[in-house]
Structures are given as structure tokens and as C-alpha cells.
Amino acid sequence: MPLPDLRLPAVVFVALAIAGCGSKGVKPMSAPLGVAPEYVARDSADTRRRVNYQDQLTLAAEALRSGQSEMAEKRAKNALKLEPGRPDAYVLLAALATQRGATAEAGPLFQKAAELAPNDGNVLNNYGAWLCGQARYAEALTFFDRAVAAPGYRTPGAALANAGGCALEAGQPERAARDLRRALALDPANPYALESMARSEYAQARYFEARAFVQRRLSAAPATRSVLQLASQIEAQLGDTV
């Protein structure tokens, strides 16, 4: 199953440099002639709301990382009330829903985020992963393609790996091989791409090639039950049942 690429907000110290504040709200105080005037910064309501939004989102992400799911959800919902037109809180709420197994609830949240950020590669990749998990393969592959093409997307290999794995599930081996090889060209140690390539080779009875990819997968990240099972199946086909 494709993996979401949930990039949660890091701790950000927001001062007066928030977009849109500029010099607005800064008023000089009266001062005697020849004395430099003092300035008092008065944040606009819009600036205060944006700062509060970022604070709530940062606290939500920190709570999620530390396993405080209820607090994370509360903070994310607070952020959403402040800035309902930004995607980050929707992604975080979707991550929380996914974490507790409420995949049906996560879908509309991922979708809303994608509608609000149609050129954000991470957001598009996340929604594609959810769609593929629901066996909505054609839609998922479209969103992965959009993610890869998104301007400024820093990790297209993640979307390509997801696209390849999803194509494999959809019974499109040629596209799967194409996207997975592109993913590994960008990120040779991508665990999901390596495991998916091993599965692709195994499905086509290329067992030595499958073994090579599964060995790379085991070197790239800790073993999972699924990859160990695949490795065992490969070795059985090669006649090594030890």
C-alpha cells in the first residue's frame, strides 16, 4: 500500500515578518524636535490570527509526535478555525484519523487539503496514497502524476514510489516498473520502492532479480513482516528453503 508523505510543521518562531504585515500598524510616537522618534508595533488582527494559527499547528504537530493524539486533534481544530483556507491543519487531522484507523474519515480531509493546495506535491501525494488504499487506482495515479509535476516539490521520488506501488496493485506492471525505477534513480534506498520492485520481479518469475531488490530493501530499513514473507517466498522459488 502506498505510503503517505506527511510532513508535519516544524517549530517555527514567528515574529513580525509574517507575510502581509509590512509596515502596517507601525505608528511613530510624538517626540521633541531633534530626538529620534520611537516606534510601537501594533499587529493587525490578521497578523495575530496568522501567528496564532502557526502556534496552534506547531503545538499540534509536537503533540502528535509525542503520542498525545487528543491534544494534537484539539490544537489542529483550533488552527482550522483560525485559518480554514489553509491545508496544513487538514493534513494533520487526516494523519490523526489514519493513525486511529479511521481511514474513511481521513479521505475527505486529504481531499480538502488537495483542493486548497492544488500545486503542493506533499499534499497531492498524501491524497493519492489514500485513494490507492481505497482501490481507486485511476484517481490515485492522476494525483501522483500531479505531485511529481508540482513546482518546487522536493521529494518527487516519494510520489513516484507510491505511483509504482499503486500501479502494481492496479495490475499495470509496465507502469509500475517505469515509476519504481524512476523513484530509485532519485532515491536508491527508498524502502517502499525497493520492496515494490521485488514484488514486481517476483510476479514476473524473475526470482534472482527479486532477491537482489529484497536484499537492498532489507539493508535500507528495518524488516517488516511483509518483506520477510516476500523474502521467504523468493527463496522458496529459488530452491533455498533453509
C-alpha atoms as a PDB file:
ATOM      1  CA  MET A   1       0.000   0.000   0.000  1.00  0.00           C
ATOM      2  CA  PRO A   2       1.392   3.442  -0.893  1.00  0.00           C
ATOM      3  CA  LEU A   3       2.825   5.427   1.967  1.00  0.00           C
ATOM      4  CA  PRO A   4       1.644   8.921   2.930  1.00  0.00           C
ATOM      5  CA  ASP A   5       4.300  11.601   2.960  1.00  0.00           C
ATOM      6  CA  LEU A   6       3.128  13.537   5.994  1.00  0.00           C
ATOM      7  CA  ARG A   7       5.464  16.427   6.551  1.00  0.00           C
ATOM      8  CA  LEU A   8       4.313  17.987   9.764  1.00  0.00           C
ATOM      9  CA  PRO A   9       5.171  21.591  10.568  1.00  0.00           C
ATOM     10  CA  ALA A  10       8.368  22.129  12.489  1.00  0.00           C
ATOM     11  CA  VAL A  11       8.676  24.540  15.398  1.00  0.00           C
ATOM     12  CA  VAL A  12       8.725  27.996  13.893  1.00  0.00           C
ATOM     13  CA  PHE A  13       9.314  31.181  15.793  1.00  0.00           C
ATOM     14  CA  VAL A  14       7.079  33.729  14.101  1.00  0.00           C
ATOM     15  CA  ALA A  15       7.815  37.383  14.680  1.00  0.00           C
ATOM     16  CA  LEU A  16       6.537  40.364  12.740  1.00  0.00           C
ATOM     17  CA  ALA A  17       7.900  39.055   9.468  1.00  0.00           C
ATOM     18  CA  ILE A  18       4.660  37.290   8.587  1.00  0.00           C
ATOM     19  CA  ALA A  19       3.626  37.995   5.018  1.00  0.00           C
ATOM     20  CA  GLY A  20       1.368  40.971   4.747  1.00  0.00           C
ATOM     21  CA  CYS A  21       2.343  42.841   7.907  1.00  0.00           C
ATOM     22  CA  GLY A  22       4.998  45.037   6.274  1.00  0.00           C
ATOM     23  CA  SER A  23       4.980  48.428   7.873  1.00  0.00           C
ATOM     24  CA  LYS A  24       1.241  48.479   8.538  1.00  0.00           C
ATOM     25  CA  GLY A  25       0.293  49.101  12.132  1.00  0.00           C
ATOM     26  CA  VAL A  26       3.628  50.763  12.981  1.00  0.00           C
ATOM     27  CA  LYS A  27       2.956  54.270  14.258  1.00  0.00           C
ATOM     28  CA  PRO A  28       5.566  56.828  15.318  1.00  0.00           C
ATOM     29  CA  MET A  29       5.157  58.361  18.747  1.00  0.00           C
ATOM     30  CA  SER A  30       5.475  62.122  19.055  1.00  0.00           C
ATOM     31  CA  ALA A  31       8.944  63.222  20.129  1.00  0.00           C
ATOM     32  CA  PRO A  32      10.699  66.544  20.780  1.00  0.00           C
ATOM     33  CA  LEU A  33      12.433  68.168  17.821  1.00  0.00           C
ATOM     34  CA  GLY A  34      15.858  66.655  17.220  1.00  0.00           C
ATOM     35  CA  VAL A  35      15.091  63.431  19.075  1.00  0.00           C
ATOM     36  CA  ALA A  36      14.642  60.247  17.056  1.00  0.00           C
ATOM     37  CA  PRO A  37      11.007  59.102  17.272  1.00  0.00           C
ATOM     38  CA  GLU A  38      10.176  55.844  18.983  1.00  0.00           C
ATOM     39  CA  TYR A  39       8.031  53.267  17.169  1.00  0.00           C
ATOM     40  CA  VAL A  40       5.465  50.943  18.622  1.00  0.00           C
ATOM     41  CA  ALA A  41       4.480  47.916  16.582  1.00  0.00           C
ATOM     42  CA  ARG A  42       0.778  47.244  16.625  1.00  0.00           C
ATOM     43  CA  ASP A  43      -0.014  43.903  14.994  1.00  0.00           C
ATOM     44  CA  SER A  44      -3.096  43.808  12.843  1.00  0.00           C
ATOM     45  CA  ALA A  45      -5.852  41.332  13.629  1.00  0.00           C
ATOM     46  CA  ASP A  46      -4.850  39.402  10.508  1.00  0.00           C
ATOM     47  CA  THR A  47      -1.241  39.130  11.688  1.00  0.00           C
ATOM     48  CA  ARG A  48      -2.281  37.988  15.160  1.00  0.00           C
ATOM     49  CA  ARG A  49      -4.541  35.340  13.647  1.00  0.00           C
ATOM     50  CA  ARG A  50      -1.746  34.024  11.435  1.00  0.00           C
ATOM     51  CA  VAL A  51       0.679  33.879  14.347  1.00  0.00           C
ATOM     52  CA  ASN A  52      -1.905  32.085  16.482  1.00  0.00           C
ATOM     53  CA  TYR A  53      -2.605  29.650  13.650  1.00  0.00           C
ATOM     54  CA  GLN A  54       1.067  28.749  13.346  1.00  0.00           C
ATOM     55  CA  ASP A  55       1.374  28.384  17.108  1.00  0.00           C
ATOM     56  CA  GLN A  56      -1.600  26.023  17.282  1.00  0.00           C
ATOM     57  CA  LEU A  57      -0.356  23.982  14.328  1.00  0.00           C
ATOM     58  CA  THR A  58       3.131  23.683  15.792  1.00  0.00           C
ATOM     59  CA  LEU A  59       1.747  22.555  19.142  1.00  0.00           C
ATOM     60  CA  ALA A  60      -0.498  20.041  17.367  1.00  0.00           C
ATOM     61  CA  ALA A  61       2.443  18.575  15.467  1.00  0.00           C
ATOM     62  CA  GLU A  62       4.512  18.336  18.644  1.00  0.00           C
ATOM     63  CA  ALA A  63       1.639  16.601  20.433  1.00  0.00           C
ATOM     64  CA  LEU A  64       1.255  14.130  17.557  1.00  0.00           C
ATOM     65  CA  ARG A  65       4.966  13.286  17.620  1.00  0.00           C
ATOM     66  CA  SER A  66       4.819  12.651  21.373  1.00  0.00           C
ATOM     67  CA  GLY A  67       1.748  10.423  21.126  1.00  0.00           C
ATOM     68  CA  GLN A  68      -0.748  12.904  22.611  1.00  0.00           C
ATOM     69  CA  SER A  69      -3.423  12.322  19.989  1.00  0.00           C
ATOM     70  CA  GLU A  70      -6.295  14.079  21.760  1.00  0.00           C
ATOM     71  CA  MET A  71      -4.251  17.199  22.371  1.00  0.00           C
ATOM     72  CA  ALA A  72      -2.975  17.128  18.789  1.00  0.00           C
ATOM     73  CA  GLU A  73      -6.540  16.964  17.461  1.00  0.00           C
ATOM     74  CA  LYS A  74      -7.668  19.791  19.724  1.00  0.00           C
ATOM     75  CA  ARG A  75      -4.816  22.045  18.596  1.00  0.00           C
ATOM     76  CA  ALA A  76      -5.316  21.186  14.920  1.00  0.00           C
ATOM     77  CA  LYS A  77      -9.019  22.008  15.148  1.00  0.00           C
ATOM     78  CA  ASN A  78      -8.161  25.308  16.834  1.00  0.00           C
ATOM     79  CA  ALA A  79      -5.834  26.090  13.944  1.00  0.00           C
ATOM     80  CA  LEU A  80      -8.526  25.147  11.434  1.00  0.00           C
ATOM     81  CA  LYS A  81     -10.977  27.585  12.986  1.00  0.00           C
ATOM     82  CA  LEU A  82      -8.416  30.362  12.658  1.00  0.00           C
ATOM     83  CA  GLU A  83      -7.393  29.668   9.035  1.00  0.00           C
ATOM     84  CA  PRO A  84      -9.893  27.356   7.306  1.00  0.00           C
ATOM     85  CA  GLY A  85      -8.428  28.194   3.912  1.00  0.00           C
ATOM     86  CA  ARG A  86      -5.002  26.657   4.554  1.00  0.00           C
ATOM     87  CA  PRO A  87      -4.244  22.950   4.024  1.00  0.00           C
ATOM     88  CA  ASP A  88      -1.848  22.116   6.871  1.00  0.00           C
ATOM     89  CA  ALA A  89      -4.446  21.556   9.596  1.00  0.00           C
ATOM     90  CA  TYR A  90      -6.471  19.304   7.289  1.00  0.00           C
ATOM     91  CA  VAL A  91      -3.393  17.157   6.604  1.00  0.00           C
ATOM     92  CA  LEU A  92      -2.629  16.887  10.301  1.00  0.00           C
ATOM     93  CA  LEU A  93      -6.222  15.924  11.138  1.00  0.00           C
ATOM     94  CA  ALA A  94      -6.118  13.345   8.342  1.00  0.00           C
ATOM     95  CA  ALA A  95      -2.896  11.937   9.816  1.00  0.00           C
ATOM     96  CA  LEU A  96      -4.616  11.609  13.191  1.00  0.00           C
ATOM     97  CA  ALA A  97      -7.617   9.877  11.619  1.00  0.00           C
ATOM     98  CA  THR A  98      -5.310   7.478   9.780  1.00  0.00           C
ATOM     99  CA  GLN A  99      -3.412   6.778  12.987  1.00  0.00           C
ATOM    100  CA  ARG A 100      -6.548   5.649  14.787  1.00  0.00           C
ATOM    101  CA  GLY A 101      -7.728   3.578  11.825  1.00  0.00           C
ATOM    102  CA  ALA A 102     -10.487   5.931  10.677  1.00  0.00           C
ATOM    103  CA  THR A 103      -9.489   5.821   7.014  1.00  0.00           C
ATOM    104  CA  ALA A 104     -12.943   6.818   5.779  1.00  0.00           C
ATOM    105  CA  GLU A 105     -12.720   9.973   7.883  1.00  0.00           C
ATOM    106  CA  ALA A 106      -9.219  10.768   6.641  1.00  0.00           C
ATOM    107  CA  GLY A 107     -10.208  10.788   2.967  1.00  0.00           C
ATOM    108  CA  PRO A 108     -12.297  13.976   2.875  1.00  0.00           C
ATOM    109  CA  LEU A 109      -9.636  15.749   4.927  1.00  0.00           C
ATOM    110  CA  PHE A 110      -6.901  14.790   2.454  1.00  0.00           C
ATOM    111  CA  GLN A 111      -9.221  15.789  -0.387  1.00  0.00           C
ATOM    112  CA  LYS A 112      -9.935  19.202   1.143  1.00  0.00           C
ATOM    113  CA  ALA A 113      -6.220  19.817   1.599  1.00  0.00           C
ATOM    114  CA  ALA A 114      -5.630  18.929  -2.062  1.00  0.00           C
ATOM    115  CA  GLU A 115      -8.353  21.336  -3.144  1.00  0.00           C
ATOM    116  CA  LEU A 116      -6.780  24.127  -1.108  1.00  0.00           C
ATOM    117  CA  ALA A 117      -3.234  23.362  -2.295  1.00  0.00           C
ATOM    118  CA  PRO A 118      -3.535  22.053  -5.879  1.00  0.00           C
ATOM    119  CA  ASN A 119       0.180  22.596  -6.548  1.00  0.00           C
ATOM    120  CA  ASP A 120       1.617  21.194  -3.321  1.00  0.00           C
ATOM    121  CA  GLY A 121       3.392  17.919  -4.072  1.00  0.00           C
ATOM    122  CA  ASN A 122       3.240  16.596  -0.496  1.00  0.00           C
ATOM    123  CA  VAL A 123      -0.485  17.240  -0.219  1.00  0.00           C
ATOM    124  CA  LEU A 124      -1.217  15.664  -3.610  1.00  0.00           C
ATOM    125  CA  ASN A 125       0.926  12.632  -2.783  1.00  0.00           C
ATOM    126  CA  ASN A 126      -0.903  12.123   0.510  1.00  0.00           C
ATOM    127  CA  TYR A 127      -4.309  12.191  -1.154  1.00  0.00           C
ATOM    128  CA  GLY A 128      -3.069   9.836  -3.862  1.00  0.00           C
ATOM    129  CA  ALA A 129      -1.891   7.379  -1.217  1.00  0.00           C
ATOM    130  CA  TRP A 130      -5.306   7.450   0.427  1.00  0.00           C
ATOM    131  CA  LEU A 131      -7.086   6.936  -2.908  1.00  0.00           C
ATOM    132  CA  CYS A 132      -4.894   3.966  -3.748  1.00  0.00           C
ATOM    133  CA  GLY A 133      -5.622   2.457  -0.343  1.00  0.00           C
ATOM    134  CA  GLN A 134      -9.297   2.589  -1.310  1.00  0.00           C
ATOM    135  CA  ALA A 135      -8.555   0.806  -4.626  1.00  0.00           C
ATOM    136  CA  ARG A 136      -9.388   3.994  -6.541  1.00  0.00           C
ATOM    137  CA  TYR A 137      -6.344   3.390  -8.686  1.00  0.00           C
ATOM    138  CA  ALA A 138      -7.011   5.631 -11.697  1.00  0.00           C
ATOM    139  CA  GLU A 139      -7.669   8.648  -9.470  1.00  0.00           C
ATOM    140  CA  ALA A 140      -4.671   7.852  -7.295  1.00  0.00           C
ATOM    141  CA  LEU A 141      -2.289   7.648 -10.244  1.00  0.00           C
ATOM    142  CA  THR A 142      -3.548  11.004 -11.508  1.00  0.00           C
ATOM    143  CA  PHE A 143      -2.737  12.632  -8.168  1.00  0.00           C
ATOM    144  CA  PHE A 144       0.702  11.004  -8.045  1.00  0.00           C
ATOM    145  CA  ASP A 145       1.410  12.392 -11.510  1.00  0.00           C
ATOM    146  CA  ARG A 146       0.321  15.836 -10.366  1.00  0.00           C
ATOM    147  CA  ALA A 147       2.544  15.555  -7.296  1.00  0.00           C
ATOM    148  CA  VAL A 148       5.605  14.653  -9.363  1.00  0.00           C
ATOM    149  CA  ALA A 149       4.957  17.605 -11.686  1.00  0.00           C
ATOM    150  CA  ALA A 150       4.251  20.068  -8.867  1.00  0.00           C
ATOM    151  CA  PRO A 151       6.653  23.021  -8.927  1.00  0.00           C
ATOM    152  CA  GLY A 152       9.052  23.079  -6.008  1.00  0.00           C
ATOM    153  CA  TYR A 153       8.225  19.554  -4.816  1.00  0.00           C
ATOM    154  CA  ARG A 154      11.412  18.418  -3.106  1.00  0.00           C
ATOM    155  CA  THR A 155      10.752  14.684  -2.852  1.00  0.00           C
ATOM    156  CA  PRO A 156       9.265  13.511  -6.159  1.00  0.00           C
ATOM    157  CA  GLY A 157      10.826  10.107  -5.520  1.00  0.00           C
ATOM    158  CA  ALA A 158       8.233   9.530  -2.788  1.00  0.00           C
ATOM    159  CA  ALA A 159       5.342  10.154  -5.182  1.00  0.00           C
ATOM    160  CA  LEU A 160       6.993   8.032  -7.891  1.00  0.00           C
ATOM    161  CA  ALA A 161       7.451   5.165  -5.431  1.00  0.00           C
ATOM    162  CA  ASN A 162       3.801   5.416  -4.440  1.00  0.00           C
ATOM    163  CA  ALA A 163       2.752   5.596  -8.081  1.00  0.00           C
ATOM    164  CA  GLY A 164       4.761   2.475  -8.886  1.00  0.00           C
ATOM    165  CA  GLY A 165       3.378   0.524  -5.961  1.00  0.00           C
ATOM    166  CA  CYS A 166      -0.141   1.620  -6.789  1.00  0.00           C
ATOM    167  CA  ALA A 167       0.262   0.682 -10.452  1.00  0.00           C
ATOM    168  CA  LEU A 168       1.432  -2.752  -9.316  1.00  0.00           C
ATOM    169  CA  GLU A 169      -1.730  -3.162  -7.241  1.00  0.00           C
ATOM    170  CA  ALA A 170      -3.792  -1.948 -10.203  1.00  0.00           C
ATOM    171  CA  GLY A 171      -2.345  -4.647 -12.476  1.00  0.00           C
ATOM    172  CA  GLN A 172      -0.222  -2.269 -14.553  1.00  0.00           C
ATOM    173  CA  PRO A 173       3.243  -3.878 -14.380  1.00  0.00           C
ATOM    174  CA  GLU A 174       4.811  -1.762 -17.119  1.00  0.00           C
ATOM    175  CA  ARG A 175       3.879   1.494 -15.479  1.00  0.00           C
ATOM    176  CA  ALA A 176       4.870   0.077 -12.100  1.00  0.00           C
ATOM    177  CA  ALA A 177       8.370  -0.793 -13.311  1.00  0.00           C
ATOM    178  CA  ARG A 178       8.767   2.580 -15.003  1.00  0.00           C
ATOM    179  CA  ASP A 179       7.780   4.636 -11.966  1.00  0.00           C
ATOM    180  CA  LEU A 180       9.671   2.491  -9.485  1.00  0.00           C
ATOM    181  CA  ARG A 181      12.895   2.721 -11.487  1.00  0.00           C
ATOM    182  CA  ARG A 182      12.453   6.483 -11.701  1.00  0.00           C
ATOM    183  CA  ALA A 183      11.910   6.588  -7.937  1.00  0.00           C
ATOM    184  CA  LEU A 184      15.052   4.550  -7.265  1.00  0.00           C
ATOM    185  CA  ALA A 185      17.071   6.740  -9.634  1.00  0.00           C
ATOM    186  CA  LEU A 186      16.190   9.668  -7.358  1.00  0.00           C
ATOM    187  CA  ASP A 187      16.317   7.775  -4.058  1.00  0.00           C
ATOM    188  CA  PRO A 188      18.189   4.440  -4.337  1.00  0.00           C
ATOM    189  CA  ALA A 189      17.387   3.486  -0.736  1.00  0.00           C
ATOM    190  CA  ASN A 190      13.636   4.145  -0.828  1.00  0.00           C
ATOM    191  CA  PRO A 191      12.288   1.138   1.127  1.00  0.00           C
ATOM    192  CA  TYR A 192       8.822   1.147  -0.429  1.00  0.00           C
ATOM    193  CA  ALA A 193      10.186   1.381  -3.975  1.00  0.00           C
ATOM    194  CA  LEU A 194      12.656  -1.442  -3.321  1.00  0.00           C
ATOM    195  CA  GLU A 195      10.015  -3.735  -1.851  1.00  0.00           C
ATOM    196  CA  SER A 196       7.617  -2.935  -4.683  1.00  0.00           C
ATOM    197  CA  MET A 197      10.312  -3.683  -7.265  1.00  0.00           C
ATOM    198  CA  ALA A 198      10.973  -7.008  -5.540  1.00  0.00           C
ATOM    199  CA  ARG A 199       7.269  -7.810  -5.759  1.00  0.00           C
ATOM    200  CA  SER A 200       7.166  -6.777  -9.397  1.00  0.00           C
ATOM    201  CA  GLU A 201      10.106  -9.010 -10.294  1.00  0.00           C
ATOM    202  CA  TYR A 202       8.666 -11.892  -8.266  1.00  0.00           C
ATOM    203  CA  ALA A 203       5.304 -11.612 -10.047  1.00  0.00           C
ATOM    204  CA  GLN A 204       7.146 -11.977 -13.360  1.00  0.00           C
ATOM    205  CA  ALA A 205       9.080 -15.029 -12.131  1.00  0.00           C
ATOM    206  CA  ARG A 206      12.402 -13.139 -12.186  1.00  0.00           C
ATOM    207  CA  TYR A 207      13.438 -14.530  -8.843  1.00  0.00           C
ATOM    208  CA  PHE A 208      17.136 -13.628  -8.850  1.00  0.00           C
ATOM    209  CA  GLU A 209      16.247 -10.025  -9.645  1.00  0.00           C
ATOM    210  CA  ALA A 210      13.575 -10.125  -6.935  1.00  0.00           C
ATOM    211  CA  ARG A 211      16.146 -11.433  -4.440  1.00  0.00           C
ATOM    212  CA  ALA A 212      18.520  -8.581  -5.257  1.00  0.00           C
ATOM    213  CA  PHE A 213      15.825  -5.978  -4.641  1.00  0.00           C
ATOM    214  CA  VAL A 214      14.634  -7.572  -1.419  1.00  0.00           C
ATOM    215  CA  GLN A 215      18.217  -7.690  -0.128  1.00  0.00           C
ATOM    216  CA  ARG A 216      18.560  -3.979  -0.882  1.00  0.00           C
ATOM    217  CA  ARG A 217      15.256  -3.391   0.886  1.00  0.00           C
ATOM    218  CA  LEU A 218      16.446  -5.226   3.998  1.00  0.00           C
ATOM    219  CA  SER A 219      19.613  -3.124   4.020  1.00  0.00           C
ATOM    220  CA  ALA A 220      17.679   0.131   3.624  1.00  0.00           C
ATOM    221  CA  ALA A 221      15.305  -0.115   6.600  1.00  0.00           C
ATOM    222  CA  PRO A 222      14.232  -2.434   9.424  1.00  0.00           C
ATOM    223  CA  ALA A 223      12.480  -5.583   8.266  1.00  0.00           C
ATOM    224  CA  THR A 224       8.699  -5.841   8.334  1.00  0.00           C
ATOM    225  CA  ARG A 225       6.549  -8.959   8.340  1.00  0.00           C
ATOM    226  CA  SER A 226       5.531  -8.374   4.724  1.00  0.00           C
ATOM    227  CA  VAL A 227       9.073  -8.048   3.404  1.00  0.00           C
ATOM    228  CA  LEU A 228      10.267 -11.104   5.371  1.00  0.00           C
ATOM    229  CA  GLN A 229       7.401 -13.105   3.946  1.00  0.00           C
ATOM    230  CA  LEU A 230       8.304 -11.940   0.451  1.00  0.00           C
ATOM    231  CA  ALA A 231      11.947 -12.864   1.003  1.00  0.00           C
ATOM    232  CA  SER A 232      10.877 -16.342   2.124  1.00  0.00           C
ATOM    233  CA  GLN A 233       8.697 -16.788  -0.964  1.00  0.00           C
ATOM    234  CA  ILE A 234      11.561 -15.741  -3.232  1.00  0.00           C
ATOM    235  CA  GLU A 235      13.988 -18.164  -1.631  1.00  0.00           C
ATOM    236  CA  ALA A 236      11.449 -20.961  -1.897  1.00  0.00           C
ATOM    237  CA  GLN A 237      11.194 -20.344  -5.626  1.00  0.00           C
ATOM    238  CA  LEU A 238      14.980 -20.414  -5.902  1.00  0.00           C
ATOM    239  CA  GLY A 239      15.057 -23.759  -4.131  1.00  0.00           C
ATOM    240  CA  ASP A 240      16.591 -22.448  -0.923  1.00  0.00           C
ATOM    241  CA  THR A 241      14.240 -23.364   1.921  1.00  0.00           C
ATOM    242  CA  VAL A 242      16.869 -23.257   4.666  1.00  0.00           C
END
